Amino acid sequence: MTKKLYKSRRDVKLDGVCGGIAEYMGLDSTLVRLIWALFVVFGGSGIFLYIICAVLMPREPEYVIEDYRDMRQDSHEN
């Protein structure tokens, strides 16, 4: 299975962009949000980039969420 970049449905603050990037890269979403905030404060490009990502990145499909829930339930049952 190949990794794909999606806006997250599980880790959403505004539109799920940072949560999706964090899931894709295997990072904590708080770290991604902090880095994004630094781009906004120090460069100003963060707002523009976020809007572009929010428009262009697809939303995570529902079946991915269901697979994730099934995996979590299986791991908690053991």
N, C-alpha and C. Protein backbone atom coordinates (compact mmCIF):
# COMPACT_ATOMS: atom_id res chain seq x y z
N MET A 1 0.85 -1.19 0.00
CA MET A 1 0.00 0.00 0.00
C MET A 1 0.89 1.24 0.00
N THR A 2 0.64 2.16 -0.90
CA THR A 2 1.42 3.38 -0.99
C THR A 2 0.83 4.45 -0.09
N LYS A 3 1.72 5.29 0.44
CA LYS A 3 1.26 6.40 1.27
C LYS A 3 0.77 7.51 0.37
N LYS A 4 -0.33 8.13 0.76
CA LYS A 4 -0.86 9.27 0.02
C LYS A 4 -1.11 10.41 0.99
N LEU A 5 -0.96 11.61 0.50
CA LEU A 5 -1.16 12.80 1.32
C LEU A 5 -2.62 13.22 1.23
N TYR A 6 -3.29 13.19 2.38
CA TYR A 6 -4.69 13.59 2.49
C TYR A 6 -4.85 14.57 3.64
N LYS A 7 -5.91 15.37 3.59
CA LYS A 7 -6.31 16.14 4.76
C LYS A 7 -6.91 15.14 5.75
N SER A 8 -6.52 15.25 6.99
CA SER A 8 -6.95 14.30 8.00
C SER A 8 -8.41 14.49 8.38
N ARG A 9 -9.09 13.39 8.67
CA ARG A 9 -10.44 13.44 9.23
C ARG A 9 -10.41 13.24 10.74
N ARG A 10 -9.30 12.72 11.26
CA ARG A 10 -9.19 12.43 12.69
C ARG A 10 -8.56 13.59 13.47
N ASP A 11 -7.61 14.26 12.85
CA ASP A 11 -6.83 15.29 13.54
C ASP A 11 -7.07 16.63 12.86
N VAL A 12 -8.18 17.26 13.20
CA VAL A 12 -8.61 18.47 12.50
C VAL A 12 -8.70 19.64 13.48
N LYS A 13 -8.08 20.75 13.12
CA LYS A 13 -8.26 22.01 13.86
C LYS A 13 -8.98 23.01 12.96
N LEU A 14 -8.44 23.27 11.77
CA LEU A 14 -9.11 24.14 10.81
C LEU A 14 -9.71 23.31 9.68
N ASP A 15 -8.83 22.70 8.89
CA ASP A 15 -9.32 21.90 7.75
C ASP A 15 -8.63 20.55 7.65
N GLY A 16 -7.74 20.21 8.57
CA GLY A 16 -7.07 18.92 8.57
C GLY A 16 -5.77 18.87 7.79
N VAL A 17 -5.29 20.02 7.32
CA VAL A 17 -4.06 20.05 6.53
C VAL A 17 -2.86 19.65 7.37
N CYS A 18 -2.66 20.28 8.50
CA CYS A 18 -1.51 19.95 9.35
C CYS A 18 -1.59 18.53 9.88
N GLY A 19 -2.79 18.10 10.24
CA GLY A 19 -2.96 16.72 10.70
C GLY A 19 -2.62 15.72 9.61
N GLY A 20 -3.02 16.01 8.39
CA GLY A 20 -2.71 15.14 7.26
C GLY A 20 -1.22 15.09 6.95
N ILE A 21 -0.57 16.24 7.00
CA ILE A 21 0.87 16.28 6.77
C ILE A 21 1.60 15.51 7.86
N ALA A 22 1.16 15.68 9.11
CA ALA A 22 1.78 14.96 10.23
C ALA A 22 1.61 13.45 10.08
N GLU A 23 0.43 13.00 9.70
CA GLU A 23 0.21 11.57 9.49
C GLU A 23 1.08 11.04 8.36
N TYR A 24 1.18 11.78 7.29
CA TYR A 24 1.97 11.37 6.13
C TYR A 24 3.45 11.26 6.48
N MET A 25 3.96 12.22 7.25
CA MET A 25 5.39 12.26 7.57
C MET A 25 5.73 11.49 8.85
N GLY A 26 4.72 11.04 9.58
CA GLY A 26 4.97 10.30 10.81
C GLY A 26 5.42 11.18 11.95
N LEU A 27 4.94 12.41 11.97
CA LEU A 27 5.30 13.38 13.00
C LEU A 27 4.10 13.67 13.90
N ASP A 28 4.36 14.34 14.99
CA ASP A 28 3.29 14.80 15.86
C ASP A 28 2.64 16.03 15.21
N SER A 29 1.33 16.06 15.23
CA SER A 29 0.63 17.17 14.56
C SER A 29 0.89 18.50 15.25
N THR A 30 1.17 18.49 16.53
CA THR A 30 1.48 19.74 17.23
C THR A 30 2.77 20.35 16.68
N LEU A 31 3.75 19.51 16.39
CA LEU A 31 5.01 19.99 15.82
C LEU A 31 4.77 20.61 14.44
N VAL A 32 3.96 19.97 13.62
CA VAL A 32 3.66 20.50 12.29
C VAL A 32 2.94 21.84 12.41
N ARG A 33 1.99 21.93 13.33
CA ARG A 33 1.26 23.19 13.53
C ARG A 33 2.19 24.30 14.03
N LEU A 34 3.13 23.95 14.89
CA LEU A 34 4.09 24.94 15.39
C LEU A 34 4.97 25.46 14.27
N ILE A 35 5.47 24.55 13.43
CA ILE A 35 6.30 24.96 12.29
C ILE A 35 5.49 25.84 11.35
N TRP A 36 4.22 25.45 11.12
CA TRP A 36 3.35 26.25 10.24
C TRP A 36 3.14 27.65 10.82
N ALA A 37 2.95 27.73 12.13
CA ALA A 37 2.76 29.03 12.78
C ALA A 37 4.01 29.90 12.64
N LEU A 38 5.19 29.28 12.70
CA LEU A 38 6.43 30.04 12.51
C LEU A 38 6.50 30.61 11.09
N PHE A 39 6.06 29.84 10.10
CA PHE A 39 6.01 30.36 8.73
C PHE A 39 5.07 31.55 8.64
N VAL A 40 3.96 31.50 9.35
CA VAL A 40 2.99 32.60 9.31
C VAL A 40 3.59 33.85 9.96
N VAL A 41 4.19 33.67 11.13
CA VAL A 41 4.71 34.82 11.89
C VAL A 41 5.94 35.44 11.23
N PHE A 42 6.89 34.60 10.82
CA PHE A 42 8.16 35.14 10.35
C PHE A 42 8.24 35.36 8.85
N GLY A 43 7.46 34.65 8.08
CA GLY A 43 7.55 34.83 6.64
C GLY A 43 6.28 35.34 6.01
N GLY A 44 5.16 35.05 6.65
CA GLY A 44 3.89 35.44 6.09
C GLY A 44 3.38 34.51 5.00
N SER A 45 4.25 33.60 4.55
CA SER A 45 3.85 32.69 3.48
C SER A 45 2.99 31.54 3.99
N GLY A 46 2.94 31.33 5.28
CA GLY A 46 2.19 30.22 5.85
C GLY A 46 0.70 30.29 5.58
N ILE A 47 0.13 31.47 5.62
CA ILE A 47 -1.31 31.62 5.36
C ILE A 47 -1.61 31.27 3.91
N PHE A 48 -0.80 31.79 3.01
CA PHE A 48 -0.99 31.52 1.58
C PHE A 48 -0.83 30.03 1.29
N LEU A 49 0.20 29.41 1.85
CA LEU A 49 0.43 27.98 1.66
C LEU A 49 -0.71 27.13 2.23
N TYR A 50 -1.22 27.52 3.40
CA TYR A 50 -2.31 26.77 4.01
C TYR A 50 -3.55 26.80 3.13
N ILE A 51 -3.86 27.96 2.60
CA ILE A 51 -5.04 28.08 1.72
C ILE A 51 -4.86 27.22 0.48
N ILE A 52 -3.68 27.23 -0.10
CA ILE A 52 -3.41 26.40 -1.28
C ILE A 52 -3.57 24.92 -0.94
N CYS A 53 -3.00 24.49 0.19
CA CYS A 53 -3.10 23.08 0.60
C CYS A 53 -4.55 22.71 0.91
N ALA A 54 -5.29 23.60 1.56
CA ALA A 54 -6.68 23.31 1.90
C ALA A 54 -7.52 23.12 0.64
N VAL A 55 -7.19 23.84 -0.41
CA VAL A 55 -7.95 23.72 -1.66
C VAL A 55 -7.51 22.50 -2.47
N LEU A 56 -6.20 22.26 -2.54
CA LEU A 56 -5.68 21.22 -3.42
C LEU A 56 -5.63 19.82 -2.82
N MET A 57 -5.38 19.72 -1.52
CA MET A 57 -5.26 18.39 -0.90
C MET A 57 -6.63 17.72 -0.81
N PRO A 58 -6.73 16.47 -1.22
CA PRO A 58 -8.02 15.77 -1.10
C PRO A 58 -8.29 15.36 0.35
N ARG A 59 -9.55 15.24 0.69
CA ARG A 59 -9.97 14.78 2.01
C ARG A 59 -9.71 13.27 2.09
N GLU A 60 -9.28 12.82 3.24
CA GLU A 60 -9.04 11.40 3.47
C GLU A 60 -10.31 10.59 3.21
N PRO A 61 -10.24 9.53 2.42
CA PRO A 61 -11.44 8.74 2.13
C PRO A 61 -11.99 8.06 3.38
N GLU A 62 -13.27 7.80 3.39
CA GLU A 62 -13.93 7.18 4.54
C GLU A 62 -13.37 5.79 4.83
N TYR A 63 -13.06 5.01 3.80
CA TYR A 63 -12.61 3.64 4.04
C TYR A 63 -11.29 3.61 4.80
N VAL A 64 -10.47 4.63 4.66
CA VAL A 64 -9.22 4.69 5.41
C VAL A 64 -9.53 4.85 6.89
N ILE A 65 -10.53 5.65 7.23
CA ILE A 65 -10.94 5.83 8.61
C ILE A 65 -11.44 4.52 9.19
N GLU A 66 -12.26 3.80 8.44
CA GLU A 66 -12.81 2.54 8.92
C GLU A 66 -11.70 1.52 9.13
N ASP A 67 -10.71 1.45 8.23
CA ASP A 67 -9.58 0.54 8.40
C ASP A 67 -8.80 0.89 9.65
N TYR A 68 -8.61 2.20 9.90
CA TYR A 68 -7.88 2.67 11.08
C TYR A 68 -8.62 2.27 12.35
N ARG A 69 -9.94 2.44 12.37
CA ARG A 69 -10.73 2.05 13.54
C ARG A 69 -10.64 0.54 13.79
N ASP A 70 -10.71 -0.24 12.72
CA ASP A 70 -10.60 -1.69 12.85
C ASP A 70 -9.25 -2.09 13.42
N MET A 71 -8.18 -1.45 12.95
CA MET A 71 -6.85 -1.76 13.45
C MET A 71 -6.73 -1.41 14.92
N ARG A 72 -7.28 -0.28 15.33
CA ARG A 72 -7.20 0.12 16.74
C ARG A 72 -8.00 -0.82 17.62
N GLN A 73 -9.17 -1.23 17.17
CA GLN A 73 -9.99 -2.15 17.96
C GLN A 73 -9.29 -3.50 18.10
N ASP A 74 -8.67 -3.99 17.03
CA ASP A 74 -7.94 -5.24 17.08
C ASP A 74 -6.78 -5.18 18.06
N SER A 75 -6.06 -4.05 18.08
CA SER A 75 -4.91 -3.92 18.98
C SER A 75 -5.35 -3.80 20.44
N HIS A 76 -6.52 -3.22 20.70
CA HIS A 76 -7.00 -3.08 22.07
C HIS A 76 -7.59 -4.38 22.60
N GLU A 77 -8.06 -5.25 21.71
CA GLU A 77 -8.65 -6.50 22.14
C GLU A 77 -7.59 -7.50 22.57
N ASN A 78 -6.36 -7.36 22.08
CA ASN A 78 -5.29 -8.32 22.41
C ASN A 78 -4.66 -8.01 23.72
